[in-house]
C-alpha atoms as a PDB file:
ATOM      1  CA  MET A   1      49.341 -19.501  67.252  1.00  0.00           C
ATOM      2  CA  ALA A   2      47.311 -18.251  64.297  1.00  0.00           C
ATOM      3  CA  PRO A   3      48.257 -19.539  60.841  1.00  0.00           C
ATOM      4  CA  ASP A   4      50.710 -17.388  58.902  1.00  0.00           C
ATOM      5  CA  LEU A   5      51.408 -15.238  62.002  1.00  0.00           C
ATOM      6  CA  THR A   6      54.906 -13.783  62.256  1.00  0.00           C
ATOM      7  CA  ILE A   7      56.107 -11.892  65.335  1.00  0.00           C
ATOM      8  CA  LEU A   8      59.168  -9.663  64.997  1.00  0.00           C
ATOM      9  CA  PHE A   9      61.157  -7.814  67.670  1.00  0.00           C
ATOM     10  CA  ARG A  10      61.279  -4.106  66.752  1.00  0.00           C
ATOM     11  CA  THR A  11      61.838  -0.721  68.364  1.00  0.00           C
ATOM     12  CA  VAL A  12      58.453   0.982  68.721  1.00  0.00           C
ATOM     13  CA  ASN A  13      58.498   4.704  69.532  1.00  0.00           C
ATOM     14  CA  GLY A  14      61.938   4.245  71.090  1.00  0.00           C
ATOM     15  CA  LEU A  15      60.847   1.303  73.255  1.00  0.00           C
ATOM     16  CA  PRO A  16      61.351  -2.435  72.878  1.00  0.00           C
ATOM     17  CA  GLY A  17      58.406  -3.878  71.045  1.00  0.00           C
ATOM     18  CA  LEU A  18      56.808  -6.513  68.871  1.00  0.00           C
ATOM     19  CA  VAL A  19      55.215  -6.290  65.447  1.00  0.00           C
ATOM     20  CA  ALA A  20      52.821  -9.080  64.484  1.00  0.00           C
ATOM     21  CA  THR A  21      52.033  -9.696  60.837  1.00  0.00           C
ATOM     22  CA  GLN A  22      49.598 -12.129  59.295  1.00  0.00           C
ATOM     23  CA  ARG A  23      49.844 -12.969  55.615  1.00  0.00           C
ATOM     24  CA  GLY A  24      52.178  -9.994  55.173  1.00  0.00           C
ATOM     25  CA  VAL A  25      49.823  -7.473  56.819  1.00  0.00           C
ATOM     26  CA  THR A  26      50.655  -5.837  60.150  1.00  0.00           C
ATOM     27  CA  VAL A  27      47.891  -6.754  62.606  1.00  0.00           C
ATOM     28  CA  THR A  28      49.361  -5.656  65.963  1.00  0.00           C
ATOM     29  CA  VAL A  29      52.127  -3.379  67.218  1.00  0.00           C
ATOM     30  CA  ALA A  30      53.086  -3.452  70.893  1.00  0.00           C
ATOM     31  CA  ALA A  31      55.598  -1.417  72.899  1.00  0.00           C
ATOM     32  CA  PHE A  32      56.931  -2.249  76.354  1.00  0.00           C
ATOM     33  CA  GLU A  33      58.094   0.085  79.103  1.00  0.00           C
ATOM     34  CA  VAL A  34      60.747  -1.684  81.155  1.00  0.00           C
ATOM     35  CA  ALA A  35      62.092  -0.776  84.595  1.00  0.00           C
ATOM     36  CA  GLU A  36      64.534  -2.890  86.584  1.00  0.00           C
ATOM     37  CA  ASP A  37      64.280  -5.769  84.095  1.00  0.00           C
ATOM     38  CA  ARG A  38      60.473  -5.929  84.389  1.00  0.00           C
ATOM     39  CA  ILE A  39      57.761  -4.864  81.997  1.00  0.00           C
ATOM     40  CA  THR A  40      55.862  -2.080  83.751  1.00  0.00           C
ATOM     41  CA  ARG A  41      53.560  -0.944  80.938  1.00  0.00           C
ATOM     42  CA  ILE A  42      52.341  -2.337  77.632  1.00  0.00           C
ATOM     43  CA  TRP A  43      50.877  -0.332  74.763  1.00  0.00           C
ATOM     44  CA  ALA A  44      49.215  -2.281  71.952  1.00  0.00           C
ATOM     45  CA  VAL A  45      47.580  -1.084  68.745  1.00  0.00           C
ATOM     46  CA  ARG A  46      45.298  -3.273  66.634  1.00  0.00           C
ATOM     47  CA  ASN A  47      43.256  -0.596  64.852  1.00  0.00           C
ATOM     48  CA  PRO A  48      44.050  -1.080  61.121  1.00  0.00           C
ATOM     49  CA  GLU A  49      43.823   2.679  60.453  1.00  0.00           C
ATOM     50  CA  LYS A  50      46.502   3.388  63.076  1.00  0.00           C
ATOM     51  CA  LEU A  51      48.745   0.600  61.761  1.00  0.00           C
ATOM     52  CA  THR A  52      49.115   2.150  58.292  1.00  0.00           C
ATOM     53  CA  PRO A  53      52.694   3.390  58.994  1.00  0.00           C
ATOM     54  CA  TRP A  54      53.677  -0.188  59.905  1.00  0.00           C
ATOM     55  CA  ARG A  55      52.648  -1.775  56.594  1.00  0.00           C
ATOM     56  CA  THR A  56      55.098  -4.449  55.512  1.00  0.00           C
ATOM     57  CA  GLY A  57      57.496  -3.355  52.817  1.00  0.00           C
ATOM     58  CA  ASP A  58      57.295   0.364  53.607  1.00  0.00           C
END
C-alpha cells in the first residue's frame, strides 16, 4: 500500500463505494454495482478535475 493512503467505505452516487485519500487529498473514488452478492460493475475516477467535489473537509 502507498504511504499515507487511507481507504474509506462511502456511498458513491447511491452505490457502495470506496474513497481513497493520500495525504488528505482524494486520489480515487470507486463505485460498485452489486447483484446477487457479487460485484458486476466497477466505476473508478482518478482524474483530479473530476474529484473536486470529493475534496477532504468539504
